[in-house]
Amino acid sequence: PGKEREFVAAVAAIGRSGASTYYRDSVK
């Protein structure tokens, strides 16, 4: 409440080497 939505983690679409991921620092 009262804060903007923030990114947590994501997984890319499937590519040649699988699906890459990315995280915000605080959840790595």
mmCIF file of all heavy atoms, coordinates in Angstrom:
data_MODEL
# 
_entry.id   MODEL 
# 
loop_
_atom_site.group_PDB 
_atom_site.id 
_atom_site.type_symbol 
_atom_site.label_atom_id 
_atom_site.label_alt_id 
_atom_site.label_comp_id 
_atom_site.label_asym_id 
_atom_site.label_entity_id 
_atom_site.label_seq_id 
_atom_site.pdbx_PDB_ins_code 
_atom_site.Cartn_x 
_atom_site.Cartn_y 
_atom_site.Cartn_z 
_atom_site.occupancy 
_atom_site.B_iso_or_equiv 
_atom_site.pdbx_formal_charge 
_atom_site.auth_seq_id 
_atom_site.auth_comp_id 
_atom_site.auth_asym_id 
_atom_site.auth_atom_id 
_atom_site.pdbx_PDB_model_num 
ATOM 1   N N   . PRO A 1 1  ? 0.819  -1.217  0.000   1.00 0.00 ? 1  PRO A N   1 
ATOM 2   C CA  . PRO A 1 1  ? 0.000  0.000   0.000   1.00 0.00 ? 1  PRO A CA  1 
ATOM 3   C C   . PRO A 1 1  ? 0.850  1.262   0.000   1.00 0.00 ? 1  PRO A C   1 
ATOM 4   O O   . PRO A 1 1  ? 1.801  1.394   0.773   1.00 0.00 ? 1  PRO A O   1 
ATOM 5   C CB  . PRO A 1 1  ? -0.800 -0.137  1.296   1.00 0.00 ? 1  PRO A CB  1 
ATOM 6   C CG  . PRO A 1 1  ? -0.884 -1.592  1.525   1.00 0.00 ? 1  PRO A CG  1 
ATOM 7   C CD  . PRO A 1 1  ? 0.425  -2.145  1.064   1.00 0.00 ? 1  PRO A CD  1 
ATOM 8   N N   . GLY A 1 2  ? 0.511  2.176   -0.884  1.00 0.00 ? 2  GLY A N   1 
ATOM 9   C CA  . GLY A 1 2  ? 1.194  3.454   -0.934  1.00 0.00 ? 2  GLY A CA  1 
ATOM 10  C C   . GLY A 1 2  ? 2.490  3.454   -1.708  1.00 0.00 ? 2  GLY A C   1 
ATOM 11  O O   . GLY A 1 2  ? 3.149  4.501   -1.815  1.00 0.00 ? 2  GLY A O   1 
ATOM 12  N N   . LYS A 1 3  ? 2.863  2.302   -2.237  1.00 0.00 ? 3  LYS A N   1 
ATOM 13  C CA  . LYS A 1 3  ? 4.119  2.209   -2.990  1.00 0.00 ? 3  LYS A CA  1 
ATOM 14  C C   . LYS A 1 3  ? 3.845  1.739   -4.418  1.00 0.00 ? 3  LYS A C   1 
ATOM 15  O O   . LYS A 1 3  ? 2.835  1.108   -4.699  1.00 0.00 ? 3  LYS A O   1 
ATOM 16  C CB  . LYS A 1 3  ? 5.089  1.257   -2.306  1.00 0.00 ? 3  LYS A CB  1 
ATOM 17  C CG  . LYS A 1 3  ? 5.594  1.747   -0.963  1.00 0.00 ? 3  LYS A CG  1 
ATOM 18  C CD  . LYS A 1 3  ? 6.689  0.843   -0.426  1.00 0.00 ? 3  LYS A CD  1 
ATOM 19  C CE  . LYS A 1 3  ? 7.232  1.352   0.885   1.00 0.00 ? 3  LYS A CE  1 
ATOM 20  N NZ  . LYS A 1 3  ? 8.321  0.486   1.414   1.00 0.00 ? 3  LYS A NZ  1 
ATOM 21  N N   . GLU A 1 4  ? 4.783  2.050   -5.282  1.00 0.00 ? 4  GLU A N   1 
ATOM 22  C CA  . GLU A 1 4  ? 4.660  1.601   -6.658  1.00 0.00 ? 4  GLU A CA  1 
ATOM 23  C C   . GLU A 1 4  ? 4.978  0.110   -6.764  1.00 0.00 ? 4  GLU A C   1 
ATOM 24  O O   . GLU A 1 4  ? 5.697  -0.452  -5.943  1.00 0.00 ? 4  GLU A O   1 
ATOM 25  C CB  . GLU A 1 4  ? 5.618  2.403   -7.553  1.00 0.00 ? 4  GLU A CB  1 
ATOM 26  C CG  . GLU A 1 4  ? 5.241  3.866   -7.706  1.00 0.00 ? 4  GLU A CG  1 
ATOM 27  C CD  . GLU A 1 4  ? 6.085  4.579   -8.742  1.00 0.00 ? 4  GLU A CD  1 
ATOM 28  O OE1 . GLU A 1 4  ? 6.999  3.939   -9.298  1.00 0.00 ? 4  GLU A OE1 1 
ATOM 29  O OE2 . GLU A 1 4  ? 5.821  5.762   -8.997  1.00 0.00 ? 4  GLU A OE2 1 
ATOM 30  N N   . ARG A 1 5  ? 4.413  -0.473  -7.801  1.00 0.00 ? 5  ARG A N   1 
ATOM 31  C CA  . ARG A 1 5  ? 4.706  -1.873  -8.064  1.00 0.00 ? 5  ARG A CA  1 
ATOM 32  C C   . ARG A 1 5  ? 6.188  -2.015  -8.425  1.00 0.00 ? 5  ARG A C   1 
ATOM 33  O O   . ARG A 1 5  ? 6.720  -1.219  -9.199  1.00 0.00 ? 5  ARG A O   1 
ATOM 34  C CB  . ARG A 1 5  ? 3.828  -2.373  -9.214  1.00 0.00 ? 5  ARG A CB  1 
ATOM 35  C CG  . ARG A 1 5  ? 3.863  -3.858  -9.452  1.00 0.00 ? 5  ARG A CG  1 
ATOM 36  C CD  . ARG A 1 5  ? 2.841  -4.255  -10.501 1.00 0.00 ? 5  ARG A CD  1 
ATOM 37  N NE  . ARG A 1 5  ? 1.475  -3.969  -10.083 1.00 0.00 ? 5  ARG A NE  1 
ATOM 38  C CZ  . ARG A 1 5  ? 0.396  -4.343  -10.765 1.00 0.00 ? 5  ARG A CZ  1 
ATOM 39  N NH1 . ARG A 1 5  ? 0.531  -5.016  -11.894 1.00 0.00 ? 5  ARG A NH1 1 
ATOM 40  N NH2 . ARG A 1 5  ? -0.801 -4.035  -10.316 1.00 0.00 ? 5  ARG A NH2 1 
ATOM 41  N N   . GLU A 1 6  ? 6.847  -3.009  -7.854  1.00 0.00 ? 6  GLU A N   1 
ATOM 42  C CA  . GLU A 1 6  ? 8.268  -3.191  -8.120  1.00 0.00 ? 6  GLU A CA  1 
ATOM 43  C C   . GLU A 1 6  ? 8.550  -4.573  -8.691  1.00 0.00 ? 6  GLU A C   1 
ATOM 44  O O   . GLU A 1 6  ? 7.876  -5.557  -8.346  1.00 0.00 ? 6  GLU A O   1 
ATOM 45  C CB  . GLU A 1 6  ? 9.102  -2.984  -6.845  1.00 0.00 ? 6  GLU A CB  1 
ATOM 46  C CG  . GLU A 1 6  ? 8.860  -3.990  -5.746  1.00 0.00 ? 6  GLU A CG  1 
ATOM 47  C CD  . GLU A 1 6  ? 9.744  -3.739  -4.526  1.00 0.00 ? 6  GLU A CD  1 
ATOM 48  O OE1 . GLU A 1 6  ? 10.272 -2.623  -4.377  1.00 0.00 ? 6  GLU A OE1 1 
ATOM 49  O OE2 . GLU A 1 6  ? 9.907  -4.684  -3.724  1.00 0.00 ? 6  GLU A OE2 1 
ATOM 50  N N   . PHE A 1 7  ? 9.554  -4.609  -9.518  1.00 0.00 ? 7  PHE A N   1 
ATOM 51  C CA  . PHE A 1 7  ? 9.964  -5.860  -10.142 1.00 0.00 ? 7  PHE A CA  1 
ATOM 52  C C   . PHE A 1 7  ? 10.589 -6.797  -9.114  1.00 0.00 ? 7  PHE A C   1 
ATOM 53  O O   . PHE A 1 7  ? 11.333 -6.361  -8.230  1.00 0.00 ? 7  PHE A O   1 
ATOM 54  C CB  . PHE A 1 7  ? 10.984 -5.557  -11.243 1.00 0.00 ? 7  PHE A CB  1 
ATOM 55  C CG  . PHE A 1 7  ? 11.628 -6.764  -11.837 1.00 0.00 ? 7  PHE A CG  1 
ATOM 56  C CD1 . PHE A 1 7  ? 10.985 -7.509  -12.812 1.00 0.00 ? 7  PHE A CD1 1 
ATOM 57  C CD2 . PHE A 1 7  ? 12.885 -7.167  -11.412 1.00 0.00 ? 7  PHE A CD2 1 
ATOM 58  C CE1 . PHE A 1 7  ? 11.593 -8.626  -13.360 1.00 0.00 ? 7  PHE A CE1 1 
ATOM 59  C CE2 . PHE A 1 7  ? 13.498 -8.285  -11.953 1.00 0.00 ? 7  PHE A CE2 1 
ATOM 60  C CZ  . PHE A 1 7  ? 12.841 -9.016  -12.929 1.00 0.00 ? 7  PHE A CZ  1 
ATOM 61  N N   . VAL A 1 8  ? 10.298 -8.083  -9.238  1.00 0.00 ? 8  VAL A N   1 
ATOM 62  C CA  . VAL A 1 8  ? 10.879 -9.082  -8.334  1.00 0.00 ? 8  VAL A CA  1 
ATOM 63  C C   . VAL A 1 8  ? 11.770 -10.053 -9.112  1.00 0.00 ? 8  VAL A C   1 
ATOM 64  O O   . VAL A 1 8  ? 12.937 -10.228 -8.804  1.00 0.00 ? 8  VAL A O   1 
ATOM 65  C CB  . VAL A 1 8  ? 9.785  -9.869  -7.598  1.00 0.00 ? 8  VAL A CB  1 
ATOM 66  C CG1 . VAL A 1 8  ? 10.404 -10.960 -6.725  1.00 0.00 ? 8  VAL A CG1 1 
ATOM 67  C CG2 . VAL A 1 8  ? 8.926  -8.940  -6.756  1.00 0.00 ? 8  VAL A CG2 1 
ATOM 68  N N   . ALA A 1 9  ? 11.203 -10.683 -10.111 1.00 0.00 ? 9  ALA A N   1 
ATOM 69  C CA  . ALA A 1 9  ? 11.940 -11.701 -10.880 1.00 0.00 ? 9  ALA A CA  1 
ATOM 70  C C   . ALA A 1 9  ? 11.206 -11.948 -12.184 1.00 0.00 ? 9  ALA A C   1 
ATOM 71  O O   . ALA A 1 9  ? 10.014 -11.658 -12.295 1.00 0.00 ? 9  ALA A O   1 
ATOM 72  C CB  . ALA A 1 9  ? 12.057 -13.002 -10.090 1.00 0.00 ? 9  ALA A CB  1 
ATOM 73  N N   . ALA A 1 10 ? 11.930 -12.481 -13.148 1.00 0.00 ? 10 ALA A N   1 
ATOM 74  C CA  . ALA A 1 10 ? 11.303 -12.790 -14.429 1.00 0.00 ? 10 ALA A CA  1 
ATOM 75  C C   . ALA A 1 10 ? 12.034 -13.918 -15.117 1.00 0.00 ? 10 ALA A C   1 
ATOM 76  O O   . ALA A 1 10 ? 13.225 -14.143 -14.876 1.00 0.00 ? 10 ALA A O   1 
ATOM 77  C CB  . ALA A 1 10 ? 11.270 -11.560 -15.325 1.00 0.00 ? 10 ALA A CB  1 
ATOM 78  N N   . VAL A 1 11 ? 11.318 -14.597 -15.975 1.00 0.00 ? 11 VAL A N   1 
ATOM 79  C CA  . VAL A 1 11 ? 11.896 -15.648 -16.808 1.00 0.00 ? 11 VAL A CA  1 
ATOM 80  C C   . VAL A 1 11 ? 11.547 -15.323 -18.255 1.00 0.00 ? 11 VAL A C   1 
ATOM 81  O O   . VAL A 1 11 ? 10.401 -14.987 -18.575 1.00 0.00 ? 11 VAL A O   1 
ATOM 82  C CB  . VAL A 1 11 ? 11.381 -17.047 -16.388 1.00 0.00 ? 11 VAL A CB  1 
ATOM 83  C CG1 . VAL A 1 11 ? 9.870  -17.146 -16.445 1.00 0.00 ? 11 VAL A CG1 1 
ATOM 84  C CG2 . VAL A 1 11 ? 12.037 -18.132 -17.220 1.00 0.00 ? 11 VAL A CG2 1 
ATOM 85  N N   . ALA A 1 12 ? 12.555 -15.391 -19.100 1.00 0.00 ? 12 ALA A N   1 
ATOM 86  C CA  . ALA A 1 12 ? 12.362 -15.068 -20.507 1.00 0.00 ? 12 ALA A CA  1 
ATOM 87  C C   . ALA A 1 12 ? 11.625 -16.182 -21.242 1.00 0.00 ? 12 ALA A C   1 
ATOM 88  O O   . ALA A 1 12 ? 11.483 -17.298 -20.739 1.00 0.00 ? 12 ALA A O   1 
ATOM 89  C CB  . ALA A 1 12 ? 13.722 -14.813 -21.153 1.00 0.00 ? 12 ALA A CB  1 
ATOM 90  N N   . ALA A 1 13 ? 11.192 -15.861 -22.448 1.00 0.00 ? 13 ALA A N   1 
ATOM 91  C CA  . ALA A 1 13 ? 10.639 -16.883 -23.326 1.00 0.00 ? 13 ALA A CA  1 
ATOM 92  C C   . ALA A 1 13 ? 11.735 -17.889 -23.660 1.00 0.00 ? 13 ALA A C   1 
ATOM 93  O O   . ALA A 1 13 ? 12.931 -17.588 -23.527 1.00 0.00 ? 13 ALA A O   1 
ATOM 94  C CB  . ALA A 1 13 ? 10.104 -16.238 -24.598 1.00 0.00 ? 13 ALA A CB  1 
ATOM 95  N N   . ILE A 1 14 ? 11.331 -19.042 -24.081 1.00 0.00 ? 14 ILE A N   1 
ATOM 96  C CA  . ILE A 1 14 ? 12.308 -20.085 -24.378 1.00 0.00 ? 14 ILE A CA  1 
ATOM 97  C C   . ILE A 1 14 ? 13.155 -19.669 -25.581 1.00 0.00 ? 14 ILE A C   1 
ATOM 98  O O   . ILE A 1 14 ? 12.622 -19.327 -26.635 1.00 0.00 ? 14 ILE A O   1 
ATOM 99  C CB  . ILE A 1 14 ? 11.609 -21.420 -24.665 1.00 0.00 ? 14 ILE A CB  1 
ATOM 100 C CG1 . ILE A 1 14 ? 10.905 -21.917 -23.399 1.00 0.00 ? 14 ILE A CG1 1 
ATOM 101 C CG2 . ILE A 1 14 ? 12.607 -22.448 -25.169 1.00 0.00 ? 14 ILE A CG2 1 
ATOM 102 C CD1 . ILE A 1 14 ? 11.816 -22.314 -22.288 1.00 0.00 ? 14 ILE A CD1 1 
ATOM 103 N N   . GLY A 1 15 ? 14.466 -19.690 -25.408 1.00 0.00 ? 15 GLY A N   1 
ATOM 104 C CA  . GLY A 1 15 ? 15.389 -19.381 -26.490 1.00 0.00 ? 15 GLY A CA  1 
ATOM 105 C C   . GLY A 1 15 ? 16.274 -20.569 -26.794 1.00 0.00 ? 15 GLY A C   1 
ATOM 106 O O   . GLY A 1 15 ? 16.045 -21.664 -26.310 1.00 0.00 ? 15 GLY A O   1 
ATOM 107 N N   . ARG A 1 16 ? 17.330 -20.321 -27.560 1.00 0.00 ? 16 ARG A N   1 
ATOM 108 C CA  . ARG A 1 16 ? 18.217 -21.411 -27.963 1.00 0.00 ? 16 ARG A CA  1 
ATOM 109 C C   . ARG A 1 16 ? 18.899 -22.062 -26.777 1.00 0.00 ? 16 ARG A C   1 
ATOM 110 O O   . ARG A 1 16 ? 19.174 -23.247 -26.763 1.00 0.00 ? 16 ARG A O   1 
ATOM 111 C CB  . ARG A 1 16 ? 19.266 -20.892 -28.937 1.00 0.00 ? 16 ARG A CB  1 
ATOM 112 C CG  . ARG A 1 16 ? 18.705 -20.456 -30.273 1.00 0.00 ? 16 ARG A CG  1 
ATOM 113 C CD  . ARG A 1 16 ? 19.794 -19.940 -31.187 1.00 0.00 ? 16 ARG A CD  1 
ATOM 114 N NE  . ARG A 1 16 ? 19.276 -19.519 -32.483 1.00 0.00 ? 16 ARG A NE  1 
ATOM 115 C CZ  . ARG A 1 16 ? 20.017 -19.005 -33.441 1.00 0.00 ? 16 ARG A CZ  1 
ATOM 116 N NH1 . ARG A 1 16 ? 21.319 -18.846 -33.258 1.00 0.00 ? 16 ARG A NH1 1 
ATOM 117 N NH2 . ARG A 1 16 ? 19.472 -18.635 -34.586 1.00 0.00 ? 16 ARG A NH2 1 
ATOM 118 N N   . SER A 1 17 ? 19.172 -21.270 -25.755 1.00 0.00 ? 17 SER A N   1 
ATOM 119 C CA  . SER A 1 17 ? 19.875 -21.808 -24.581 1.00 0.00 ? 17 SER A CA  1 
ATOM 120 C C   . SER A 1 17 ? 18.955 -21.891 -23.378 1.00 0.00 ? 17 SER A C   1 
ATOM 121 O O   . SER A 1 17 ? 19.389 -21.762 -22.245 1.00 0.00 ? 17 SER A O   1 
ATOM 122 C CB  . SER A 1 17 ? 21.095 -20.944 -24.268 1.00 0.00 ? 17 SER A CB  1 
ATOM 123 O OG  . SER A 1 17 ? 20.707 -19.614 -24.079 1.00 0.00 ? 17 SER A OG  1 
ATOM 124 N N   . GLY A 1 18 ? 17.674 -22.093 -23.630 1.00 0.00 ? 18 GLY A N   1 
ATOM 125 C CA  . GLY A 1 18 ? 16.741 -22.189 -22.519 1.00 0.00 ? 18 GLY A CA  1 
ATOM 126 C C   . GLY A 1 18 ? 16.116 -20.843 -22.208 1.00 0.00 ? 18 GLY A C   1 
ATOM 127 O O   . GLY A 1 18 ? 16.101 -19.943 -23.042 1.00 0.00 ? 18 GLY A O   1 
ATOM 128 N N   . ALA A 1 19 ? 15.601 -20.688 -21.029 1.00 0.00 ? 19 ALA A N   1 
ATOM 129 C CA  . ALA A 1 19 ? 14.932 -19.458 -20.625 1.00 0.00 ? 19 ALA A CA  1 
ATOM 130 C C   . ALA A 1 19 ? 15.746 -18.768 -19.547 1.00 0.00 ? 19 ALA A C   1 
ATOM 131 O O   . ALA A 1 19 ? 15.900 -19.306 -18.456 1.00 0.00 ? 19 ALA A O   1 
ATOM 132 C CB  . ALA A 1 19 ? 13.536 -19.759 -20.128 1.00 0.00 ? 19 ALA A CB  1 
ATOM 133 N N   . SER A 1 20 ? 16.256 -17.593 -19.861 1.00 0.00 ? 20 SER A N   1 
ATOM 134 C CA  . SER A 1 20 ? 17.067 -16.885 -18.884 1.00 0.00 ? 20 SER A CA  1 
ATOM 135 C C   . SER A 1 20 ? 16.185 -16.286 -17.797 1.00 0.00 ? 20 SER A C   1 
ATOM 136 O O   . SER A 1 20 ? 14.979 -16.087 -17.984 1.00 0.00 ? 20 SER A O   1 
ATOM 137 C CB  . SER A 1 20 ? 17.883 -15.794 -19.565 1.00 0.00 ? 20 SER A CB  1 
ATOM 138 O OG  . SER A 1 20 ? 17.037 -14.776 -20.069 1.00 0.00 ? 20 SER A OG  1 
ATOM 139 N N   . THR A 1 21 ? 16.800 -15.983 -16.678 1.00 0.00 ? 21 THR A N   1 
ATOM 140 C CA  . THR A 1 21 ? 16.080 -15.404 -15.546 1.00 0.00 ? 21 THR A CA  1 
ATOM 141 C C   . THR A 1 21 ? 16.780 -14.137 -15.086 1.00 0.00 ? 21 THR A C   1 
ATOM 142 O O   . THR A 1 21 ? 17.952 -13.894 -15.401 1.00 0.00 ? 21 THR A O   1 
ATOM 143 C CB  . THR A 1 21 ? 15.998 -16.392 -14.375 1.00 0.00 ? 21 THR A CB  1 
ATOM 144 O OG1 . THR A 1 21 ? 17.339 -16.778 -14.002 1.00 0.00 ? 21 THR A OG1 1 
ATOM 145 C CG2 . THR A 1 21 ? 15.220 -17.633 -14.756 1.00 0.00 ? 21 THR A CG2 1 
ATOM 146 N N   . TYR A 1 22 ? 16.048 -13.350 -14.319 1.00 0.00 ? 22 TYR A N   1 
ATOM 147 C CA  . TYR A 1 22 ? 16.605 -12.101 -13.790 1.00 0.00 ? 22 TYR A CA  1 
ATOM 148 C C   . TYR A 1 22 ? 15.893 -11.790 -12.487 1.00 0.00 ? 22 TYR A C   1 
ATOM 149 O O   . TYR A 1 22 ? 14.691 -12.035 -12.357 1.00 0.00 ? 22 TYR A O   1 
ATOM 150 C CB  . TYR A 1 22 ? 16.393 -10.977 -14.804 1.00 0.00 ? 22 TYR A CB  1 
ATOM 151 C CG  . TYR A 1 22 ? 17.263 -9.773  -14.557 1.00 0.00 ? 22 TYR A CG  1 
ATOM 152 C CD1 . TYR A 1 22 ? 18.570 -9.752  -14.997 1.00 0.00 ? 22 TYR A CD1 1 
ATOM 153 C CD2 . TYR A 1 22 ? 16.780 -8.659  -13.877 1.00 0.00 ? 22 TYR A CD2 1 
ATOM 154 C CE1 . TYR A 1 22 ? 19.393 -8.659  -14.774 1.00 0.00 ? 22 TYR A CE1 1 
ATOM 155 C CE2 . TYR A 1 22 ? 17.581 -7.570  -13.649 1.00 0.00 ? 22 TYR A CE2 1 
ATOM 156 C CZ  . TYR A 1 22 ? 18.889 -7.569  -14.101 1.00 0.00 ? 22 TYR A CZ  1 
ATOM 157 O OH  . TYR A 1 22 ? 19.694 -6.484  -13.878 1.00 0.00 ? 22 TYR A OH  1 
ATOM 158 N N   . TYR A 1 23 ? 16.649 -11.260 -11.515 1.00 0.00 ? 23 TYR A N   1 
ATOM 159 C CA  . TYR A 1 23 ? 16.113 -11.002 -10.175 1.00 0.00 ? 23 TYR A CA  1 
ATOM 160 C C   . TYR A 1 23 ? 16.499 -9.613  -9.688  1.00 0.00 ? 23 TYR A C   1 
ATOM 161 O O   . TYR A 1 23 ? 17.559 -9.090  -10.036 1.00 0.00 ? 23 TYR A O   1 
ATOM 162 C CB  . TYR A 1 23 ? 16.678 -12.024 -9.180  1.00 0.00 ? 23 TYR A CB  1 
ATOM 163 C CG  . TYR A 1 23 ? 16.387 -13.464 -9.527  1.00 0.00 ? 23 TYR A CG  1 
ATOM 164 C CD1 . TYR A 1 23 ? 17.254 -14.204 -10.338 1.00 0.00 ? 23 TYR A CD1 1 
ATOM 165 C CD2 . TYR A 1 23 ? 15.244 -14.095 -9.037  1.00 0.00 ? 23 TYR A CD2 1 
ATOM 166 C CE1 . TYR A 1 23 ? 16.978 -15.526 -10.660 1.00 0.00 ? 23 TYR A CE1 1 
ATOM 167 C CE2 . TYR A 1 23 ? 14.971 -15.422 -9.343  1.00 0.00 ? 23 TYR A CE2 1 
ATOM 168 C CZ  . TYR A 1 23 ? 15.836 -16.122 -10.160 1.00 0.00 ? 23 TYR A CZ  1 
ATOM 169 O OH  . TYR A 1 23 ? 15.563 -17.434 -10.466 1.00 0.00 ? 23 TYR A OH  1 
ATOM 170 N N   . ARG A 1 24 ? 15.645 -9.077  -8.839  1.00 0.00 ? 24 ARG A N   1 
ATOM 171 C CA  . ARG A 1 24 ? 16.075 -7.878  -8.123  1.00 0.00 ? 24 ARG A CA  1 
ATOM 172 C C   . ARG A 1 24 ? 17.088 -8.316  -7.084  1.00 0.00 ? 24 ARG A C   1 
ATOM 173 O O   . ARG A 1 24 ? 17.069 -9.455  -6.602  1.00 0.00 ? 24 ARG A O   1 
ATOM 174 C CB  . ARG A 1 24 ? 14.893 -7.150  -7.483  1.00 0.00 ? 24 ARG A CB  1 
ATOM 175 C CG  . ARG A 1 24 ? 14.279 -7.821  -6.292  1.00 0.00 ? 24 ARG A CG  1 
ATOM 176 C CD  . ARG A 1 24 ? 13.116 -6.995  -5.728  1.00 0.00 ? 24 ARG A CD  1 
ATOM 177 N NE  . ARG A 1 24 ? 13.555 -5.714  -5.191  1.00 0.00 ? 24 ARG A NE  1 
ATOM 178 C CZ  . ARG A 1 24 ? 13.289 -4.536  -5.763  1.00 0.00 ? 24 ARG A CZ  1 
ATOM 179 N NH1 . ARG A 1 24 ? 12.582 -4.500  -6.890  1.00 0.00 ? 24 ARG A NH1 1 
ATOM 180 N NH2 . ARG A 1 24 ? 13.702 -3.417  -5.221  1.00 0.00 ? 24 ARG A NH2 1 
ATOM 181 N N   . ASP A 1 25 ? 17.975 -7.387  -6.725  1.00 0.00 ? 25 ASP A N   1 
ATOM 182 C CA  . ASP A 1 25 ? 19.091 -7.743  -5.859  1.00 0.00 ? 25 ASP A CA  1 
ATOM 183 C C   . ASP A 1 25 ? 18.635 -8.319  -4.523  1.00 0.00 ? 25 ASP A C   1 
ATOM 184 O O   . ASP A 1 25 ? 19.250 -9.254  -3.999  1.00 0.00 ? 25 ASP A O   1 
ATOM 185 C CB  . ASP A 1 25 ? 19.973 -6.517  -5.612  1.00 0.00 ? 25 ASP A CB  1 
ATOM 186 C CG  . ASP A 1 25 ? 20.795 -6.149  -6.835  1.00 0.00 ? 25 ASP A CG  1 
ATOM 187 O OD1 . ASP A 1 25 ? 20.916 -6.986  -7.761  1.00 0.00 ? 25 ASP A OD1 1 
ATOM 188 O OD2 . ASP A 1 25 ? 21.315 -5.018  -6.867  1.00 0.00 ? 25 ASP A OD2 1 
ATOM 189 N N   . SER A 1 26 ? 17.582 -7.778  -3.952  1.00 0.00 ? 26 SER A N   1 
ATOM 190 C CA  . SER A 1 26 ? 17.185 -8.173  -2.597  1.00 0.00 ? 26 SER A CA  1 
ATOM 191 C C   . SER A 1 26 ? 16.635 -9.597  -2.513  1.00 0.00 ? 26 SER A C   1 
ATOM 192 O O   . SER A 1 26 ? 16.478 -10.131 -1.419  1.00 0.00 ? 26 SER A O   1 
ATOM 193 C CB  . SER A 1 26 ? 16.149 -7.195  -2.035  1.00 0.00 ? 26 SER A CB  1 
ATOM 194 O OG  . SER A 1 26 ? 14.975 -7.219  -2.811  1.00 0.00 ? 26 SER A OG  1 
ATOM 195 N N   . VAL A 1 27 ? 16.343 -10.225 -3.656  1.00 0.00 ? 27 VAL A N   1 
ATOM 196 C CA  . VAL A 1 27 ? 15.808 -11.593 -3.607  1.00 0.00 ? 27 VAL A CA  1 
ATOM 197 C C   . VAL A 1 27 ? 16.777 -12.609 -4.204  1.00 0.00 ? 27 VAL A C   1 
ATOM 198 O O   . VAL A 1 27 ? 16.506 -13.811 -4.165  1.00 0.00 ? 27 VAL A O   1 
ATOM 199 C CB  . VAL A 1 27 ? 14.439 -11.696 -4.308  1.00 0.00 ? 27 VAL A CB  1 
ATOM 200 C CG1 . VAL A 1 27 ? 13.475 -10.671 -3.748  1.00 0.00 ? 27 VAL A CG1 1 
ATOM 201 C CG2 . VAL A 1 27 ? 14.566 -11.589 -5.814  1.00 0.00 ? 27 VAL A CG2 1 
ATOM 202 N N   . LYS A 1 28 ? 17.892 -12.125 -4.734  1.00 0.00 ? 28 LYS A N   1 
ATOM 203 C CA  . LYS A 1 28 ? 18.880 -13.051 -5.313  1.00 0.00 ? 28 LYS A CA  1 
ATOM 204 C C   . LYS A 1 28 ? 19.369 -14.021 -4.249  1.00 0.00 ? 28 LYS A C   1 
ATOM 205 O O   . LYS A 1 28 ? 19.682 -13.633 -3.131  1.00 0.00 ? 28 LYS A O   1 
ATOM 206 C CB  . LYS A 1 28 ? 20.059 -12.278 -5.890  1.00 0.00 ? 28 LYS A CB  1 
ATOM 207 C CG  . LYS A 1 28 ? 19.755 -11.581 -7.199  1.00 0.00 ? 28 LYS A CG  1 
ATOM 208 C CD  . LYS A 1 28 ? 20.976 -10.831 -7.703  1.00 0.00 ? 28 LYS A CD  1 
ATOM 209 C CE  . LYS A 1 28 ? 20.677 -10.098 -8.995  1.00 0.00 ? 28 LYS A CE  1 
ATOM 210 N NZ  . LYS A 1 28 ? 21.835 -9.315  -9.473  1.00 0.00 ? 28 LYS A NZ  1 
# 
